[in-house]
Protein backbone atom coordinates (compact mmCIF):
# COMPACT_ATOMS: atom_id res chain seq x y z
CA MET A 1 70.74 89.89 83.48
CA ALA A 2 68.07 92.59 83.66
CA ALA A 3 67.21 92.16 79.99
CA TYR A 4 67.11 88.37 80.34
CA ARG A 5 64.79 88.33 83.33
CA ALA A 6 62.38 90.88 81.86
CA ALA A 7 62.14 88.98 78.57
CA GLU A 8 61.85 85.63 80.36
CA LEU A 9 58.70 86.95 82.01
CA GLY A 10 57.22 87.94 78.67
CA ALA A 11 58.19 91.57 78.19
CA SER A 12 59.36 92.85 74.81
CA VAL A 13 62.95 93.92 75.53
CA VAL A 14 65.47 95.92 73.53
CA LEU A 15 69.04 95.95 74.88
CA LEU A 16 70.95 99.03 73.75
CA GLU A 17 74.76 98.65 73.70
CA LYS A 18 76.94 101.49 72.52
CA THR A 19 80.00 99.35 71.73
CA GLU A 20 80.43 96.63 69.15
CA ARG A 21 79.95 93.76 71.60
CA VAL A 22 78.15 92.89 74.82
CA GLY A 23 79.82 92.06 78.10
CA THR A 24 83.12 93.88 77.61
CA LYS A 25 83.43 94.54 81.35
CA ILE A 26 82.94 90.84 82.02
CA LEU A 27 85.64 90.02 79.48
CA ILE A 28 88.26 91.92 81.51
CA SER A 29 87.13 90.69 84.93
CA GLY A 30 89.53 88.48 86.85
CA GLY A 31 92.31 89.17 84.38
CA GLY A 32 90.19 87.73 81.56
CA LYS A 33 89.40 84.59 83.55
CA CYS A 34 86.16 85.98 85.01
CA ASN A 35 85.71 85.68 88.74
CA ILE A 36 82.01 84.82 88.38
CA THR A 37 80.97 85.17 92.02
CA HIS A 38 82.03 84.33 95.56
CA ALA A 39 81.04 81.04 97.17
CA GLY A 40 79.56 80.55 100.61
CA PRO A 41 76.44 81.61 102.51
CA ILE A 42 74.93 84.85 101.21
CA GLU A 43 75.20 86.44 104.66
CA ASP A 44 78.97 85.87 104.56
CA VAL A 45 79.13 87.41 101.10
CA LEU A 46 77.17 90.44 102.28
CA LYS A 47 79.50 90.97 105.25
CA GLU A 48 82.27 91.92 102.84
CA PHE A 49 80.36 95.01 101.69
CA ARG A 50 80.08 98.19 103.73
CA PRO A 51 77.06 97.98 106.07
CA ASN A 52 74.78 100.41 104.20
CA GLU A 53 75.62 98.76 100.87
CA ALA A 54 75.03 95.28 102.29
CA ARG A 55 71.61 96.34 103.61
CA PHE A 56 70.67 97.68 100.20
CA ILE A 57 71.66 94.64 98.12
CA ARG A 58 70.55 92.02 100.68
CA PRO A 59 67.01 91.56 99.24
CA ALA A 60 68.36 91.21 95.70
CA CYS A 61 71.11 88.79 96.70
CA TYR A 62 68.57 86.54 98.40
CA ARG A 63 66.29 86.82 95.37
CA TRP A 64 69.14 85.79 93.01
CA THR A 65 71.84 84.00 94.99
CA ASN A 66 75.43 83.10 94.15
CA GLU A 67 74.32 79.48 93.74
CA GLN A 68 71.71 80.54 91.19
CA ALA A 69 74.28 82.65 89.35
CA VAL A 70 76.60 79.64 89.04
CA ALA A 71 73.77 77.34 87.96
CA PHE A 72 72.70 79.89 85.35
CA LEU A 73 76.05 79.27 83.62
CA THR A 74 76.76 75.63 84.43
CA ASP A 75 73.35 74.63 83.07
CA ARG A 76 74.72 75.71 79.70
CA GLY A 77 77.93 73.68 79.99
CA LEU A 78 80.34 75.95 81.86
CA ARG A 79 82.52 74.03 84.31
CA VAL A 80 83.56 75.98 87.39
CA TYR A 81 85.75 75.52 90.45
CA THR A 82 86.08 77.35 93.74
CA ARG A 83 89.48 78.47 94.98
CA ASP A 84 90.47 78.19 98.63
CA ASN A 85 89.66 81.89 99.06
CA GLY A 86 86.07 81.35 97.84
CA ARG A 87 86.42 82.85 94.38
CA VAL A 88 84.53 81.00 91.66
CA PHE A 89 86.15 80.71 88.21
CA PRO A 90 85.59 78.71 85.01
CA VAL A 91 87.68 75.51 85.03
CA ASP A 92 89.14 75.50 81.55
CA GLN A 93 87.20 78.25 79.84
CA THR A 94 87.60 82.01 80.01
CA ALA A 95 85.49 85.13 80.36
CA LYS A 96 84.68 84.81 76.65
CA ASP A 97 82.78 81.60 77.38
CA VAL A 98 80.83 83.29 80.15
CA VAL A 99 79.81 86.14 77.83
CA HIS A 100 78.89 83.67 75.08
CA ILE A 101 76.53 81.86 77.46
CA LEU A 102 74.97 85.12 78.62
CA GLN A 103 74.41 86.16 75.00
CA SER A 104 72.87 82.79 74.20
CA ARG A 105 70.53 83.24 77.16
CA LEU A 106 69.39 86.57 75.73
CA ASP A 107 68.75 84.93 72.37
CA GLU A 108 66.73 82.15 73.99
CA VAL A 109 64.22 84.58 75.49
CA GLY A 110 64.05 86.87 72.45
CA VAL A 111 65.92 89.96 73.63
CA GLU A 112 66.61 92.30 70.72
CA THR A 113 70.25 93.34 71.12
CA ARG A 114 71.41 96.44 69.27
CA LEU A 115 75.16 96.95 69.11
CA ASN A 116 76.89 100.22 68.15
CA THR A 117 73.84 102.09 69.46
CA PRO A 118 74.83 104.88 71.86
CA VAL A 119 72.13 106.37 74.05
CA ILE A 120 72.31 110.15 74.31
CA GLY A 121 69.58 110.80 76.87
CA ILE A 122 66.43 109.70 78.68
CA ASP A 123 63.25 111.81 78.39
CA ARG A 124 60.56 112.23 81.03
CA ASP A 125 57.22 113.98 81.32
CA GLU A 126 54.82 114.61 84.18
CA HIS A 127 54.14 110.86 84.43
CA GLY A 128 57.78 109.71 84.51
CA VAL A 129 60.02 108.17 81.85
CA CYS A 130 58.63 108.65 78.35
CA GLY A 131 61.49 107.74 76.02
CA ILE A 132 65.14 107.08 75.26
CA ARG A 133 67.17 109.00 72.72
CA ILE A 134 69.79 107.17 70.71
CA ALA A 135 72.34 108.59 68.32
CA PRO A 136 71.03 108.74 64.74
CA PRO A 137 72.11 105.79 62.58
CA PRO A 138 74.86 106.40 60.02
CA THR A 139 73.95 106.95 56.39
CA PRO A 140 73.33 103.51 54.91
CA SER A 141 75.43 102.18 52.05
CA PRO A 142 74.90 99.16 49.79
CA ARG A 143 77.36 97.16 51.91
CA HIS A 144 76.49 98.56 55.32
CA ASP A 145 73.41 97.87 57.40
CA SER A 146 73.91 98.73 61.07
CA PHE A 147 72.11 97.19 64.02
CA ALA A 148 70.61 100.59 64.80
CA GLU A 149 69.22 100.90 61.25
CA ARG A 150 67.69 97.46 61.31
CA GLY A 151 66.24 98.13 64.76
CA LEU A 152 64.73 101.43 63.64
CA ARG A 153 62.97 99.69 60.75
CA ASN A 154 61.93 96.47 62.47
CA SER A 155 61.41 97.13 66.17
CA PRO A 156 57.88 96.91 67.59
CA LEU A 157 58.68 100.01 69.66
CA HIS A 158 57.60 103.39 68.35
CA GLU A 159 60.68 105.26 67.10
CA SER A 160 61.02 108.52 65.27
CA LEU A 161 63.75 110.89 64.14
CA ASP A 162 63.91 114.10 66.16
CA SER A 163 65.94 117.07 65.02
CA ARG A 164 65.65 119.12 68.20
CA GLY A 165 68.80 120.28 69.90
CA GLY A 166 69.78 120.04 73.57
CA VAL A 167 68.32 116.99 75.26
CA GLY A 168 66.47 116.19 72.06
CA GLY A 169 67.90 115.08 68.76
CA GLY A 170 68.74 111.65 67.42
CA VAL A 171 66.17 108.87 67.40
CA LEU A 172 63.45 108.94 70.04
CA ILE A 173 62.32 105.53 71.29
CA GLU A 174 59.02 105.97 73.11
CA THR A 175 58.86 103.76 76.20
CA ARG A 176 57.56 103.96 79.75
CA ARG A 177 60.02 101.40 81.21
CA VAL A 178 63.77 101.95 81.22
CA ILE A 179 66.37 99.90 83.10
CA LEU A 180 69.61 101.79 83.60
CA ALA A 181 72.35 99.13 83.67
CA VAL A 182 75.24 101.08 82.18
CA GLY A 183 77.89 100.53 84.85
CA GLY A 184 80.02 103.27 86.37
CA SER A 185 83.04 105.04 84.98
CA SER A 186 85.87 102.60 85.66
CA TYR A 187 87.98 101.32 82.79
CA PRO A 188 86.33 103.63 80.20
CA LYS A 189 87.86 101.72 77.28
CA SER A 190 85.29 99.02 78.00
CA GLY A 191 82.48 101.50 77.34
CA THR A 192 81.67 102.45 80.95
CA THR A 193 82.34 106.17 80.72
CA GLY A 194 79.92 107.43 83.38
CA ASP A 195 77.07 108.09 80.94
CA GLY A 196 74.46 107.06 83.47
CA TYR A 197 75.34 109.71 86.05
CA PRO A 198 74.10 112.78 84.13
CA TRP A 199 71.05 110.86 82.91
CA ALA A 200 70.14 109.88 86.47
CA THR A 201 70.77 113.45 87.65
CA SER A 202 68.47 114.84 84.95
CA LEU A 203 65.75 112.50 86.22
CA GLY A 204 66.04 113.75 89.80
CA HIS A 205 68.68 111.50 91.32
CA THR A 206 71.72 112.39 93.41
CA VAL A 207 75.12 110.98 92.44
CA VAL A 208 77.53 110.27 95.30
CA LYS A 209 81.10 111.31 94.49
CA VAL A 210 82.80 108.67 92.34
CA ARG A 211 86.18 107.31 93.46
CA ALA A 212 88.51 104.51 92.44
CA ALA A 213 87.80 101.02 93.79
CA LEU A 214 89.40 97.75 92.71
CA ALA A 215 92.02 99.81 90.92
CA PRO A 216 95.81 99.70 90.53
CA ILE A 217 97.75 102.38 92.39
CA ALA A 218 100.35 104.71 90.89
CA LEU A 219 103.39 105.71 92.98
CA THR A 220 105.57 108.79 92.85
CA GLU A 221 108.66 106.58 93.29
CA THR A 222 110.10 105.61 89.90
CA LYS A 223 112.69 103.07 91.08
CA TRP A 224 110.13 100.25 90.76
CA ARG A 225 109.71 100.66 87.00
CA PRO A 226 112.51 98.20 86.10
CA TYR A 227 110.63 95.56 88.09
CA SER A 228 107.41 95.85 86.11
CA GLY A 229 105.87 92.39 85.83
CA VAL A 230 107.53 91.02 88.98
CA ALA A 231 105.08 89.61 91.52
CA LEU A 232 105.21 89.15 95.28
CA ARG A 233 103.18 86.12 96.32
CA ASP A 234 101.10 85.98 99.49
CA CYS A 235 102.15 89.30 100.96
CA ILE A 236 100.33 92.03 102.88
CA LEU A 237 100.08 95.44 101.25
CA LYS A 238 99.41 98.26 103.71
CA ALA A 239 98.46 101.90 103.24
CA ARG A 240 99.30 104.53 105.85
CA GLN A 241 98.46 108.18 106.37
CA ASN A 242 100.25 110.21 109.04
CA GLY A 243 101.60 106.94 110.42
CA LYS A 244 98.12 105.43 110.90
CA GLU A 245 97.19 102.34 108.93
CA VAL A 246 94.41 103.08 106.43
CA ASN A 247 93.87 99.55 105.13
CA ARG A 248 95.66 96.27 104.41
CA TRP A 249 95.08 93.32 102.11
CA ARG A 250 96.75 89.92 101.96
CA ASP A 251 97.21 88.28 98.57
CA ASP A 252 99.55 88.71 95.60
CA MET A 253 101.02 92.05 94.48
CA LEU A 254 102.35 92.98 91.06
CA PHE A 255 104.86 95.72 90.29
CA THR A 256 103.97 97.78 87.21
CA HIS A 257 105.62 100.56 85.26
CA PHE A 258 103.50 103.08 87.17
CA GLY A 259 103.29 101.49 90.63
CA VAL A 260 101.52 98.40 91.94
CA SER A 261 98.59 96.24 90.93
CA GLY A 262 97.27 92.76 91.64
CA PRO A 263 94.67 91.69 94.23
CA THR A 264 96.36 93.50 97.14
CA ALA A 265 96.37 96.86 95.35
CA LEU A 266 92.79 96.40 94.21
CA GLY A 267 91.83 95.36 97.73
CA ILE A 268 93.00 98.59 99.40
CA SER A 269 92.37 101.03 96.54
CA ARG A 270 88.97 102.30 97.72
CA GLU A 271 90.26 103.31 101.15
CA VAL A 272 93.42 104.73 99.58
CA ALA A 273 91.34 106.89 97.22
CA GLU A 274 89.26 108.21 100.12
CA ALA A 275 92.30 108.95 102.31
CA PHE A 276 94.22 110.45 99.38
CA GLU A 277 91.78 113.36 99.28
CA ASN A 278 92.86 114.36 102.79
CA GLY A 279 96.64 114.17 102.43
CA PRO A 280 99.63 112.03 101.42
CA VAL A 281 99.30 108.24 101.59
CA THR A 282 102.23 105.81 101.65
CA LEU A 283 102.37 102.10 100.79
CA GLU A 284 104.44 99.37 102.37
CA VAL A 285 104.50 95.60 101.97
CA ASP A 286 105.08 92.76 104.42
CA VAL A 287 106.77 90.00 102.40
CA SER A 288 106.69 87.45 105.25
CA PRO A 289 103.23 87.83 106.79
CA ASP A 290 103.23 84.57 108.77
CA ARG A 291 106.27 85.57 110.84
CA THR A 292 106.55 88.15 113.56
CA PHE A 293 109.47 90.56 113.75
CA GLU A 294 110.92 88.48 116.61
CA SER A 295 110.58 85.09 114.88
CA LEU A 296 112.07 86.45 111.67
CA THR A 297 115.00 87.90 113.62
CA ALA A 298 115.56 84.54 115.36
CA ASP A 299 115.42 82.71 112.03
CA LEU A 300 117.93 85.11 110.54
CA LEU A 301 120.31 84.58 113.48
CA THR A 302 120.02 80.80 113.22
CA TYR A 303 120.78 80.95 109.51
CA ALA A 304 123.77 83.21 110.16
CA GLU A 305 125.18 80.83 112.76
CA LYS A 306 124.92 77.90 110.38
CA HIS A 307 126.20 79.77 107.31
CA PRO A 308 128.47 82.63 108.49
CA LYS A 309 130.33 82.80 105.16
CA ARG A 310 127.25 82.99 102.98
CA ARG A 311 126.05 86.26 101.53
CA VAL A 312 122.95 87.78 103.07
CA ALA A 313 121.45 87.72 99.59
CA THR A 314 121.23 83.90 99.73
CA TYR A 315 118.78 84.13 102.63
CA LEU A 316 116.56 86.50 100.73
CA ASP A 317 116.40 84.17 97.72
CA GLY A 318 113.87 82.10 99.65
CA LEU A 319 111.66 85.08 100.43
CA LEU A 320 111.76 87.26 97.33
CA PRO A 321 111.91 87.00 93.55
CA SER A 322 115.60 87.12 92.60
CA ARG A 323 115.16 90.44 90.76
CA LEU A 324 114.09 92.15 93.98
CA VAL A 325 116.88 90.88 96.27
CA GLU A 326 119.35 93.63 95.45
CA GLU A 327 116.68 96.32 95.92
CA MET A 328 115.75 94.87 99.32
CA LEU A 329 119.39 94.90 100.40
CA ALA A 330 119.71 98.50 99.25
CA SER A 331 116.63 99.45 101.28
CA ALA A 332 118.30 97.89 104.35
CA GLU A 333 121.56 99.69 103.52
CA ILE A 334 123.43 96.40 103.05
CA GLU A 335 126.04 95.93 100.33
CA THR A 336 125.21 93.21 97.80
CA GLU A 337 128.22 91.03 98.64
CA THR A 338 127.93 91.32 102.43
CA GLU A 339 128.40 88.01 104.29
CA PHE A 340 126.56 87.13 107.47
CA ASN A 341 129.71 87.21 109.60
CA LYS A 342 130.09 90.86 108.64
CA LEU A 343 126.45 91.85 109.13
CA SER A 344 126.01 94.28 112.01
CA ARG A 345 123.15 94.04 114.46
CA THR A 346 121.84 97.39 113.22
CA CYS A 347 121.78 96.21 109.59
CA ARG A 348 120.19 92.92 110.60
CA ASN A 349 117.36 94.72 112.38
CA LYS A 350 117.01 97.07 109.45
CA LEU A 351 116.66 94.09 107.11
CA VAL A 352 113.92 92.56 109.26
CA GLU A 353 112.14 95.91 109.34
CA CYS A 354 112.22 96.01 105.55
CA LEU A 355 110.93 92.44 105.25
CA LYS A 356 108.01 93.28 107.56
CA GLY A 357 107.33 96.74 106.17
CA TRP A 358 109.12 97.45 102.89
CA LYS A 359 108.50 101.10 102.03
CA LEU A 360 107.22 101.45 98.46
CA GLY A 361 106.71 105.21 98.49
CA LEU A 362 104.02 107.85 98.18
CA VAL A 363 100.78 107.26 96.33
CA LYS A 364 100.61 109.38 93.20
CA ASP A 365 97.16 108.41 92.00
CA PRO A 366 94.46 105.79 92.78
CA MET A 367 93.84 105.03 89.10
CA LEU A 368 90.10 105.46 88.54
CA ASP A 369 90.38 104.91 84.78
CA LYS A 370 92.22 101.58 85.22
CA GLY A 371 89.95 100.07 87.84
CA GLU A 372 87.43 97.28 87.47
CA VAL A 373 84.88 99.01 89.71
CA VAL A 374 84.22 102.48 91.10
CA ALA A 375 82.85 103.48 94.48
CA GLY A 376 80.14 106.11 94.48
CA GLY A 377 77.25 106.47 92.07
CA ILE A 378 73.50 106.86 92.29
CA ALA A 379 72.47 107.36 95.93
CA LEU A 380 71.00 104.20 97.46
CA ASP A 381 68.32 105.99 99.49
CA GLU A 382 66.73 107.09 96.21
CA VAL A 383 66.17 103.50 95.01
CA ASP A 384 63.77 100.87 96.40
CA SER A 385 66.05 97.99 97.40
CA GLN A 386 63.21 95.48 97.19
CA THR A 387 62.37 96.27 93.56
CA MET A 388 65.17 98.47 92.12
CA ARG A 389 62.53 101.06 91.21
CA SER A 390 63.63 104.67 91.17
CA LEU A 391 62.04 106.68 93.98
CA LYS A 392 62.53 109.84 91.94
CA CYS A 393 61.20 108.94 88.50
CA PRO A 394 58.39 106.47 87.71
CA GLY A 395 59.30 103.95 85.03
CA LEU A 396 63.03 104.05 85.81
CA TYR A 397 64.86 101.04 87.30
CA LEU A 398 68.48 101.08 88.44
CA CYS A 399 70.98 98.29 88.99
CA GLY A 400 74.63 97.27 88.94
CA GLU A 401 77.69 99.45 89.24
CA ALA A 402 75.76 102.65 88.43
CA LEU A 403 74.57 102.45 92.03
CA ASP A 404 76.66 103.53 95.02
CA VAL A 405 77.80 99.96 95.76
CA ALA A 406 81.36 98.64 95.58
CA GLY A 407 82.40 95.32 97.07
CA PRO A 408 85.95 94.01 97.53
CA VAL A 409 87.93 91.98 95.04
CA GLY A 410 86.73 88.38 94.80
CA GLY A 411 83.60 88.14 92.65
CA TYR A 412 81.42 90.23 94.94
CA ASN A 413 80.70 92.99 92.44
CA LEU A 414 79.58 90.69 89.65
CA GLN A 415 77.23 89.00 92.12
CA ALA A 416 75.79 92.36 93.15
CA ALA A 417 75.31 93.25 89.49
CA PHE A 418 73.69 89.90 88.66
CA SER A 419 71.33 90.11 91.64
CA THR A 420 70.24 93.73 91.28
CA GLY A 421 69.91 93.30 87.51
CA TYR A 422 67.70 90.24 87.96
CA VAL A 423 65.39 92.11 90.33
CA ALA A 424 65.27 95.22 88.13
CA GLY A 425 64.28 93.13 85.12
CA GLU A 426 61.69 91.21 87.11
CA THR A 427 60.12 94.38 88.48
CA ALA A 428 60.09 96.24 85.17
CA ALA A 429 58.41 93.32 83.43
CA GLY A 430 55.88 92.97 86.23
CA ASP A 431 55.02 96.67 86.09
CA LEU A 432 54.66 96.51 82.31
CA LEU A 433 52.59 93.36 82.09
CA GLY A 434 50.53 93.88 85.21
């Protein structure tokens, strides 16, 4: 988005991408379906971020709204729909179609995209940014001509080989305007390996401690492994520390071979990661969130009166996936074949307790490397929220997940990235062209 906006305004833009394709992070968003943004008034969208983060991204989100983000894609043929929870998705296309449209937008405005071109550092002098260093291109062969090689030969930018060690070395691209839009360090297989943090630090910025956000959660308990792939629909996942609730999220939950995932796990992962640093955290799940303990007990009694000879397991079939029924009974200390006429009051209460707060076990690890987003990053008070200019280094512009901004699951983070990227590109082009 930053590259597009800068080029649209007339700047000569080179987009450096270290992997073999653009938009890899977008390709994995929303389980490959791409939760483009979140619908509704921008103020409502901003309320879902932490107050200091909302204040920072507010100017950018009003400059490039969620409606504009949707139109940016639908104008090129993407059909979208909005779920009841406000999340906006493509109708019959996937994240691949979203990336294809974004790439076509770059082509329309003449952005030079270089794939397989890792950046190894950003140089500065007494005036600010003065160049970017990229890894030297591989030795050419008759059948091989890399993007980096072609760029080195054909780019209008001044580039030269530099054999110095340390910060130097590689190919030096001389430029006074650099937009850092490299993401954070979540899901490193997509290419976001935290490269931007040391670069920003070397240019005078502070990096707030990076933690997992929108990430699956690993558990110490191994008994859930056989249920990998089983989902609980419309439940509430809760995290507790020392008996106090840390956070909760209502949506679907997925058991995995290492613990839990799905929207509920992603929704509480940031708070879990923060609490985890201060002591043990436990997870529990309410599988019947619309019923109170009392109403569920009354419903269970009514069912027992009508069907005294039926097994307790038959009642659970309407609340749980069949594969989880036996495990629920075991948690309530009820034998699998127990009939209602033989169910004690103590066991009945225990069963209701499990339905309203099924203990999943201790958190082993909020999985930073498996998350879609990280919390933490470049300190917000060192960036001008109106322009995305660095307040530490002239000629540097910062946007997206590299910043200390992390919204909840639901399309919020892509919107923040689109908006801050748009403003960063607009500002950089304006500063360049006068």
